[in-house]
Amino acid sequence: MAEKSMAIALLISLIFTGLGIAYAGDTKKGVIIFVIAIILNILGLYVSMIFSIISFLVWIYGMYATYQEVNLVNGA
């Protein structure tokens, strides 16, 4: 398996929560986090601010999980 760029993975995850994980190789996990983040953002806009806060926490987790996944793929 080819090495993945940490900078590219984190940049993708910074803009699109979770998709950096998909870039690193775990497509299923990345897409699930991405969909959850979208749902939480929509709920945050139309239902309650608490969903926006949870969405922010999911974003933080997505960045951390991207970092971990790239390290795993690169053997670091």
Protein backbone atom coordinates (compact mmCIF):
# COMPACT_ATOMS: atom_id res chain seq x y z
CA MET A 1 0.00 0.00 0.00
CA ALA A 2 1.35 3.43 -0.93
CA GLU A 3 2.19 5.95 1.73
CA LYS A 4 -0.39 8.66 2.30
CA SER A 5 0.42 12.33 2.85
CA MET A 6 -0.45 13.48 6.36
CA ALA A 7 -0.83 17.10 5.18
CA ILE A 8 -3.28 16.19 2.40
CA ALA A 9 -5.29 13.89 4.67
CA LEU A 10 -5.60 16.53 7.39
CA LEU A 11 -6.46 19.25 4.87
CA ILE A 12 -9.23 17.10 3.40
CA SER A 13 -10.52 16.32 6.90
CA LEU A 14 -10.31 19.99 7.88
CA ILE A 15 -12.67 20.93 5.05
CA PHE A 16 -14.79 17.76 4.82
CA THR A 17 -15.03 16.07 8.20
CA GLY A 18 -14.04 12.42 7.96
CA LEU A 19 -13.06 12.28 4.31
CA GLY A 20 -9.39 12.41 5.24
CA ILE A 21 -9.95 8.98 6.79
CA ALA A 22 -11.39 7.78 3.50
CA TYR A 23 -8.33 9.18 1.69
CA ALA A 24 -6.09 7.25 4.08
CA GLY A 25 -7.86 4.00 3.28
CA ASP A 26 -10.80 3.43 5.66
CA THR A 27 -13.54 4.53 3.27
CA LYS A 28 -16.46 3.15 5.29
CA LYS A 29 -15.45 4.91 8.52
CA GLY A 30 -14.68 8.15 6.69
CA VAL A 31 -18.03 8.28 4.90
CA ILE A 32 -19.95 7.43 8.08
CA ILE A 33 -18.27 10.29 9.98
CA PHE A 34 -18.90 12.64 7.02
CA VAL A 35 -22.62 11.78 6.92
CA ILE A 36 -22.97 12.12 10.70
CA ALA A 37 -21.32 15.55 10.54
CA ILE A 38 -23.70 16.71 7.78
CA ILE A 39 -26.75 15.50 9.72
CA LEU A 40 -25.54 17.20 12.90
CA ASN A 41 -24.90 20.46 11.03
CA ILE A 42 -28.40 20.43 9.55
CA LEU A 43 -29.92 19.68 12.96
CA GLY A 44 -27.80 22.48 14.45
CA LEU A 45 -29.23 24.94 11.95
CA TYR A 46 -32.87 23.97 12.27
CA VAL A 47 -33.38 22.28 15.64
CA SER A 48 -30.95 23.21 18.40
CA MET A 49 -27.51 24.72 18.89
CA ILE A 50 -26.45 21.62 20.87
CA PHE A 51 -26.20 19.69 17.59
CA SER A 52 -23.71 22.26 16.30
CA ILE A 53 -21.59 21.72 19.39
CA ILE A 54 -21.73 17.96 18.91
CA SER A 55 -20.84 18.48 15.25
CA PHE A 56 -17.75 20.42 16.31
CA LEU A 57 -16.74 17.53 18.58
CA VAL A 58 -17.22 15.10 15.68
CA TRP A 59 -14.98 17.35 13.58
CA ILE A 60 -12.28 17.23 16.26
CA TYR A 61 -12.61 13.44 16.41
CA GLY A 62 -12.41 13.28 12.61
CA MET A 63 -9.12 15.17 12.63
CA TYR A 64 -7.70 12.89 15.33
CA ALA A 65 -8.93 9.73 13.58
CA THR A 66 -7.42 10.95 10.30
CA TYR A 67 -4.06 11.46 12.00
CA GLN A 68 -4.25 7.97 13.51
CA GLU A 69 -5.33 6.33 10.25
CA VAL A 70 -2.52 7.92 8.22
CA ASN A 71 0.03 6.84 10.83
CA LEU A 72 -1.39 3.31 10.70
CA VAL A 73 -1.24 3.18 6.90
CA ASN A 74 2.27 4.63 6.78
CA GLY A 75 3.49 2.28 9.49
CA ALA A 76 4.49 5.06 11.85
